[in-house]
Amino acid sequence: MIHSVTPKADLRVERIRGDEPSSAIGQKPKVRKEDTEARSTFQVFAERSRIEQAAAKVSEVLSQANPQLRIRVDDETEQVVVKVVEQESGEVIRQIPPEELLDLEKYLSSLKGLLLQEQG
């Protein structure tokens, strides 16, 4: 006897066009041009200022608890950087992410314009 099978959870089903390879199933969805244009400069600035405010608050709390920890937002990569600093000399003992990684990201982002071309 055959019983009907009911799904246990709501599943989202998307059709894949025939011209797309089957490996596209695990990939991230493509961003529509309208979506990227919808983000105004103000929205990006607002997000950046919120990140900087949060980093400043965390840094203030940490400086009271442990003056060896410092938090900042890198201007070029817009990543949060955590530094462990020796209190007496001010020397950086440890940085997360490392300065080399930030430099690599800056270099790769400068090459991005050469590798990727926007199609209109």
C-alpha atoms as a PDB file:
ATOM      1  CA  MET A   1       0.000   0.000   0.000  1.00  0.00           C
ATOM      2  CA  ILE A   2       1.333   3.464  -0.934  1.00  0.00           C
ATOM      3  CA  HIS A   3       0.905   6.356   1.474  1.00  0.00           C
ATOM      4  CA  SER A   4       1.118   9.977   0.510  1.00  0.00           C
ATOM      5  CA  VAL A   5       4.238  11.784   1.659  1.00  0.00           C
ATOM      6  CA  THR A   6       3.922  15.224   3.176  1.00  0.00           C
ATOM      7  CA  PRO A   7       6.925  17.477   3.695  1.00  0.00           C
ATOM      8  CA  LYS A   8       7.957  18.157   7.293  1.00  0.00           C
ATOM      9  CA  ALA A   9       9.082  21.743   6.595  1.00  0.00           C
ATOM     10  CA  ASP A  10       8.303  24.479   4.125  1.00  0.00           C
ATOM     11  CA  LEU A  11      10.817  24.205   1.331  1.00  0.00           C
ATOM     12  CA  ARG A  12      11.577  26.889  -1.213  1.00  0.00           C
ATOM     13  CA  VAL A  13      11.769  25.474  -4.714  1.00  0.00           C
ATOM     14  CA  GLU A  14      13.436  27.389  -7.526  1.00  0.00           C
ATOM     15  CA  ARG A  15      13.487  26.397 -11.135  1.00  0.00           C
ATOM     16  CA  ILE A  16      16.791  26.468 -12.924  1.00  0.00           C
ATOM     17  CA  ARG A  17      16.760  27.483 -16.533  1.00  0.00           C
ATOM     18  CA  GLY A  18      17.971  24.880 -18.960  1.00  0.00           C
ATOM     19  CA  ASP A  19      20.963  26.965 -20.048  1.00  0.00           C
ATOM     20  CA  GLU A  20      22.452  27.083 -16.534  1.00  0.00           C
ATOM     21  CA  PRO A  21      24.858  24.352 -15.451  1.00  0.00           C
ATOM     22  CA  SER A  22      23.723  21.997 -12.732  1.00  0.00           C
ATOM     23  CA  SER A  23      26.542  23.290 -10.515  1.00  0.00           C
ATOM     24  CA  ALA A  24      24.617  26.566 -10.133  1.00  0.00           C
ATOM     25  CA  ILE A  25      22.467  24.958  -7.451  1.00  0.00           C
ATOM     26  CA  GLY A  26      24.981  25.566  -4.662  1.00  0.00           C
ATOM     27  CA  GLN A  27      25.999  29.056  -5.794  1.00  0.00           C
ATOM     28  CA  LYS A  28      24.831  32.360  -4.381  1.00  0.00           C
ATOM     29  CA  PRO A  29      22.024  34.071  -6.273  1.00  0.00           C
ATOM     30  CA  LYS A  30      23.043  36.781  -8.710  1.00  0.00           C
ATOM     31  CA  VAL A  31      22.514  40.351  -7.575  1.00  0.00           C
ATOM     32  CA  ARG A  32      20.211  42.310  -9.823  1.00  0.00           C
ATOM     33  CA  LYS A  33      21.444  45.654 -11.079  1.00  0.00           C
ATOM     34  CA  GLU A  34      18.357  47.372  -9.658  1.00  0.00           C
ATOM     35  CA  ASP A  35      19.249  46.068  -6.179  1.00  0.00           C
ATOM     36  CA  THR A  36      22.744  47.511  -6.265  1.00  0.00           C
ATOM     37  CA  GLU A  37      21.564  50.846  -7.629  1.00  0.00           C
ATOM     38  CA  ALA A  38      18.911  51.078  -4.911  1.00  0.00           C
ATOM     39  CA  ARG A  39      21.567  51.476  -2.227  1.00  0.00           C
ATOM     40  CA  SER A  40      22.251  55.150  -2.086  1.00  0.00           C
ATOM     41  CA  THR A  41      25.400  56.774  -0.842  1.00  0.00           C
ATOM     42  CA  PHE A  42      23.486  57.832   2.245  1.00  0.00           C
ATOM     43  CA  GLN A  43      22.647  54.228   3.140  1.00  0.00           C
ATOM     44  CA  VAL A  44      26.284  53.174   2.795  1.00  0.00           C
ATOM     45  CA  PHE A  45      27.378  56.160   4.900  1.00  0.00           C
ATOM     46  CA  ALA A  46      24.757  55.343   7.551  1.00  0.00           C
ATOM     47  CA  GLU A  47      25.976  51.735   7.775  1.00  0.00           C
ATOM     48  CA  ARG A  48      29.588  52.895   8.029  1.00  0.00           C
ATOM     49  CA  SER A  49      28.771  55.369  10.803  1.00  0.00           C
ATOM     50  CA  ARG A  50      26.863  52.687  12.747  1.00  0.00           C
ATOM     51  CA  ILE A  51      29.851  50.352  12.529  1.00  0.00           C
ATOM     52  CA  GLU A  52      32.195  53.111  13.703  1.00  0.00           C
ATOM     53  CA  GLN A  53      29.879  53.995  16.599  1.00  0.00           C
ATOM     54  CA  ALA A  54      29.652  50.358  17.674  1.00  0.00           C
ATOM     55  CA  ALA A  55      33.441  49.976  17.479  1.00  0.00           C
ATOM     56  CA  ALA A  56      33.899  53.154  19.544  1.00  0.00           C
ATOM     57  CA  LYS A  57      31.485  51.917  22.235  1.00  0.00           C
ATOM     58  CA  VAL A  58      33.154  48.513  22.452  1.00  0.00           C
ATOM     59  CA  SER A  59      36.585  50.159  22.517  1.00  0.00           C
ATOM     60  CA  GLU A  60      35.500  52.450  25.357  1.00  0.00           C
ATOM     61  CA  VAL A  61      34.205  49.545  27.448  1.00  0.00           C
ATOM     62  CA  LEU A  62      37.317  47.477  26.746  1.00  0.00           C
ATOM     63  CA  SER A  63      39.674  50.338  27.600  1.00  0.00           C
ATOM     64  CA  GLN A  64      38.097  50.548  31.053  1.00  0.00           C
ATOM     65  CA  ALA A  65      38.290  46.795  31.617  1.00  0.00           C
ATOM     66  CA  ASN A  66      41.567  46.085  29.800  1.00  0.00           C
ATOM     67  CA  PRO A  67      43.570  49.030  28.432  1.00  0.00           C
ATOM     68  CA  GLN A  68      45.650  46.668  26.305  1.00  0.00           C
ATOM     69  CA  LEU A  69      42.819  46.066  23.812  1.00  0.00           C
ATOM     70  CA  ARG A  70      41.995  48.589  21.099  1.00  0.00           C
ATOM     71  CA  ILE A  71      39.338  48.379  18.404  1.00  0.00           C
ATOM     72  CA  ARG A  72      39.127  50.472  15.251  1.00  0.00           C
ATOM     73  CA  VAL A  73      37.631  50.328  11.756  1.00  0.00           C
ATOM     74  CA  ASP A  74      40.158  50.275   8.915  1.00  0.00           C
ATOM     75  CA  ASP A  75      39.391  53.135   6.519  1.00  0.00           C
ATOM     76  CA  GLU A  76      40.234  51.408   3.240  1.00  0.00           C
ATOM     77  CA  THR A  77      38.903  47.892   3.845  1.00  0.00           C
ATOM     78  CA  GLU A  78      36.126  48.922   6.275  1.00  0.00           C
ATOM     79  CA  GLN A  79      36.954  45.956   8.509  1.00  0.00           C
ATOM     80  CA  VAL A  80      36.970  45.978  12.282  1.00  0.00           C
ATOM     81  CA  VAL A  81      40.540  45.593  13.578  1.00  0.00           C
ATOM     82  CA  VAL A  82      41.345  44.427  17.118  1.00  0.00           C
ATOM     83  CA  LYS A  83      44.808  45.174  18.532  1.00  0.00           C
ATOM     84  CA  VAL A  84      46.472  43.929  21.705  1.00  0.00           C
ATOM     85  CA  VAL A  85      48.935  46.658  22.713  1.00  0.00           C
ATOM     86  CA  GLU A  86      51.669  46.622  25.348  1.00  0.00           C
ATOM     87  CA  GLN A  87      50.623  49.231  27.861  1.00  0.00           C
ATOM     88  CA  GLU A  88      54.028  50.749  28.638  1.00  0.00           C
ATOM     89  CA  SER A  89      55.635  50.943  25.188  1.00  0.00           C
ATOM     90  CA  GLY A  90      52.506  51.077  23.018  1.00  0.00           C
ATOM     91  CA  GLU A  91      53.898  48.270  20.841  1.00  0.00           C
ATOM     92  CA  VAL A  92      51.320  46.098  19.051  1.00  0.00           C
ATOM     93  CA  ILE A  93      51.613  42.544  20.375  1.00  0.00           C
ATOM     94  CA  ARG A  94      48.823  41.018  18.288  1.00  0.00           C
ATOM     95  CA  GLN A  95      46.432  42.329  15.635  1.00  0.00           C
ATOM     96  CA  ILE A  96      43.346  40.588  14.251  1.00  0.00           C
ATOM     97  CA  PRO A  97      43.192  40.521  11.239  1.00  0.00           C
ATOM     98  CA  PRO A  98      46.956  40.883  10.687  1.00  0.00           C
ATOM     99  CA  GLU A  99      48.270  43.967   8.888  1.00  0.00           C
ATOM    100  CA  GLU A 100      49.543  41.755   6.048  1.00  0.00           C
ATOM    101  CA  LEU A 101      46.028  40.460   5.432  1.00  0.00           C
ATOM    102  CA  LEU A 102      44.649  44.012   5.320  1.00  0.00           C
ATOM    103  CA  ASP A 103      47.380  44.986   2.847  1.00  0.00           C
ATOM    104  CA  LEU A 104      46.554  41.947   0.695  1.00  0.00           C
ATOM    105  CA  GLU A 105      42.865  42.847   0.690  1.00  0.00           C
ATOM    106  CA  LYS A 106      43.682  46.426  -0.343  1.00  0.00           C
ATOM    107  CA  TYR A 107      45.885  45.138  -3.171  1.00  0.00           C
ATOM    108  CA  LEU A 108      43.282  42.661  -4.409  1.00  0.00           C
ATOM    109  CA  SER A 109      40.524  45.268  -4.316  1.00  0.00           C
ATOM    110  CA  SER A 110      42.689  47.565  -6.442  1.00  0.00           C
ATOM    111  CA  LEU A 111      42.998  44.754  -8.999  1.00  0.00           C
ATOM    112  CA  LYS A 112      39.257  44.079  -8.950  1.00  0.00           C
ATOM    113  CA  GLY A 113      38.669  46.805 -11.513  1.00  0.00           C
ATOM    114  CA  LEU A 114      41.073  45.114 -13.904  1.00  0.00           C
ATOM    115  CA  LEU A 115      39.583  41.648 -13.501  1.00  0.00           C
ATOM    116  CA  LEU A 116      35.880  42.443 -13.442  1.00  0.00           C
ATOM    117  CA  GLN A 117      34.182  44.667 -15.959  1.00  0.00           C
ATOM    118  CA  GLU A 118      30.641  45.851 -15.500  1.00  0.00           C
ATOM    119  CA  GLN A 119      28.314  45.149 -18.401  1.00  0.00           C
ATOM    120  CA  GLY A 120      25.511  47.577 -19.052  1.00  0.00           C
END
